[in-house]
Protein backbone atom coordinates (compact mmCIF):
# COMPACT_ATOMS: atom_id res chain seq x y z
CA MET A 1 0.00 0.00 0.00
CA SER A 2 1.40 3.39 -0.98
CA GLU A 3 1.69 6.23 1.52
CA ARG A 4 -1.26 8.00 -0.13
CA GLU A 5 -3.38 4.85 0.04
CA ALA A 6 -2.46 4.39 3.71
CA GLU A 7 -3.54 7.97 4.42
CA ILE A 8 -6.87 7.41 2.66
CA ALA A 9 -7.43 4.24 4.70
CA ASP A 10 -6.54 6.21 7.84
CA CYS A 11 -9.20 8.80 6.93
CA VAL A 12 -11.81 6.03 6.72
CA ASP A 13 -10.65 4.58 10.02
CA LYS A 14 -10.87 8.01 11.67
CA VAL A 15 -14.41 8.62 10.39
CA LEU A 16 -15.62 5.17 11.43
CA THR A 17 -14.17 5.66 14.91
CA GLU A 18 -15.60 9.17 15.31
CA VAL A 19 -19.05 8.28 13.98
CA LEU A 20 -19.50 4.76 15.31
CA GLY A 21 -17.03 4.48 18.17
CA GLU A 22 -14.14 2.04 18.46
CA PHE A 23 -16.21 -1.00 19.44
CA ALA A 24 -18.76 -0.60 16.65
CA LYS A 25 -15.99 0.13 14.14
CA ARG A 26 -14.29 -3.13 15.05
CA ALA A 27 -17.59 -5.01 14.77
CA ILE A 28 -18.19 -3.53 11.32
CA MET A 29 -14.69 -4.45 10.15
CA ILE A 30 -15.22 -8.02 11.41
CA THR A 31 -18.51 -8.16 9.51
CA MET A 32 -16.82 -6.79 6.40
CA ASN A 33 -14.03 -9.35 6.74
CA GLU A 34 -16.64 -12.11 6.96
CA LYS A 35 -17.99 -10.81 3.64
CA GLY A 36 -14.48 -11.13 2.19
CA ILE A 37 -13.81 -7.38 2.31
CA THR A 38 -10.45 -6.52 3.83
CA PRO A 39 -9.06 -3.19 5.04
CA SER A 40 -6.92 -2.96 1.90
CA ASP A 41 -10.15 -3.02 -0.15
CA ILE A 42 -10.85 0.48 1.16
CA VAL A 43 -8.37 1.79 -1.39
CA LYS A 44 -7.77 -1.16 -3.69
CA GLN A 45 -11.47 -1.88 -4.35
CA PRO A 46 -13.39 1.12 -2.99
CA ASP A 47 -16.61 0.18 -4.85
CA ARG A 48 -16.57 -3.21 -3.13
CA PHE A 49 -15.87 -1.57 0.23
CA MET A 50 -18.82 0.81 -0.17
CA ASP A 51 -21.07 -2.05 -1.33
CA GLY A 52 -20.13 -3.85 1.89
CA LEU A 53 -21.03 -0.81 3.98
CA ARG A 54 -24.35 -0.48 2.12
CA SER A 55 -25.12 -4.12 2.90
CA VAL A 56 -24.64 -3.34 6.60
CA PHE A 57 -26.10 0.18 6.86
CA GLY A 58 -28.42 0.42 3.87
CA SER A 59 -28.98 4.02 2.81
CA GLY A 60 -27.25 5.13 6.02
CA ALA A 61 -23.95 4.27 4.34
CA GLY A 62 -24.39 7.53 2.42
CA VAL A 63 -23.75 9.50 5.60
CA LEU A 64 -20.48 7.64 6.11
CA GLU A 65 -19.59 8.10 2.45
CA LYS A 66 -19.98 11.89 2.67
CA ALA A 67 -17.90 11.92 5.86
CA PHE A 68 -15.16 9.86 4.15
CA ILE A 69 -15.11 12.30 1.23
CA PHE A 70 -14.92 15.29 3.57
CA GLU A 71 -12.09 13.76 5.62
CA VAL A 72 -10.05 12.78 2.54
CA CYS A 73 -10.50 16.27 1.10
CA LYS A 74 -9.45 17.82 4.40
CA ARG A 75 -6.37 15.59 4.70
CA PHE A 76 -5.21 16.26 1.14
CA ARG A 77 -6.37 19.88 1.00
CA VAL A 78 -8.81 19.28 -1.83
CA ASP A 79 -11.67 21.74 -2.28
CA THR A 80 -14.83 19.72 -1.61
CA ARG A 81 -16.64 21.69 -4.30
CA SER A 82 -14.28 20.25 -6.90
CA VAL A 83 -15.38 16.69 -6.02
CA ALA A 84 -19.01 17.40 -5.15
CA ASN A 85 -20.34 15.00 -7.79
CA LEU A 86 -17.93 12.15 -7.02
CA SER A 87 -18.64 9.07 -4.97
CA PHE A 88 -16.11 8.02 -2.38
CA ALA A 89 -14.98 5.21 -4.71
CA ASP A 90 -14.45 7.66 -7.57
CA LEU A 91 -12.55 10.05 -5.30
CA VAL A 92 -10.25 7.23 -4.15
CA LYS A 93 -9.62 6.16 -7.73
CA ARG A 94 -8.82 9.76 -8.70
CA MET A 95 -6.47 10.17 -5.72
CA ARG A 96 -4.74 6.87 -6.52
CA ASN A 97 -4.29 7.79 -10.18
CA HIS A 98 -2.98 11.22 -9.23
CA SER A 99 -0.29 9.65 -7.05
CA GLU A 100 0.74 7.29 -9.86
CA GLY A 101 0.91 10.00 -12.50
């Protein structure tokens, strides 16, 4: 995992902890792991990661998704208006591609 990818994963971890609390975050990650979704999928397969969250939270996953986007933008100093129409998965893909280019 690249440094940028690790920072994106850290943003997700931070949001999950702040929104759900440490215990619930761990329970969610165990549930995701049981679905075959690993922490590296946060950045390697962000669509799959978000699908896993939707299967747990339903439409409530959208709240987490917006918080992930906000936290990633804050960490990397990206204007949220410039990514307003992106999903979290699309933002991650864009950030990954930017680091490779």
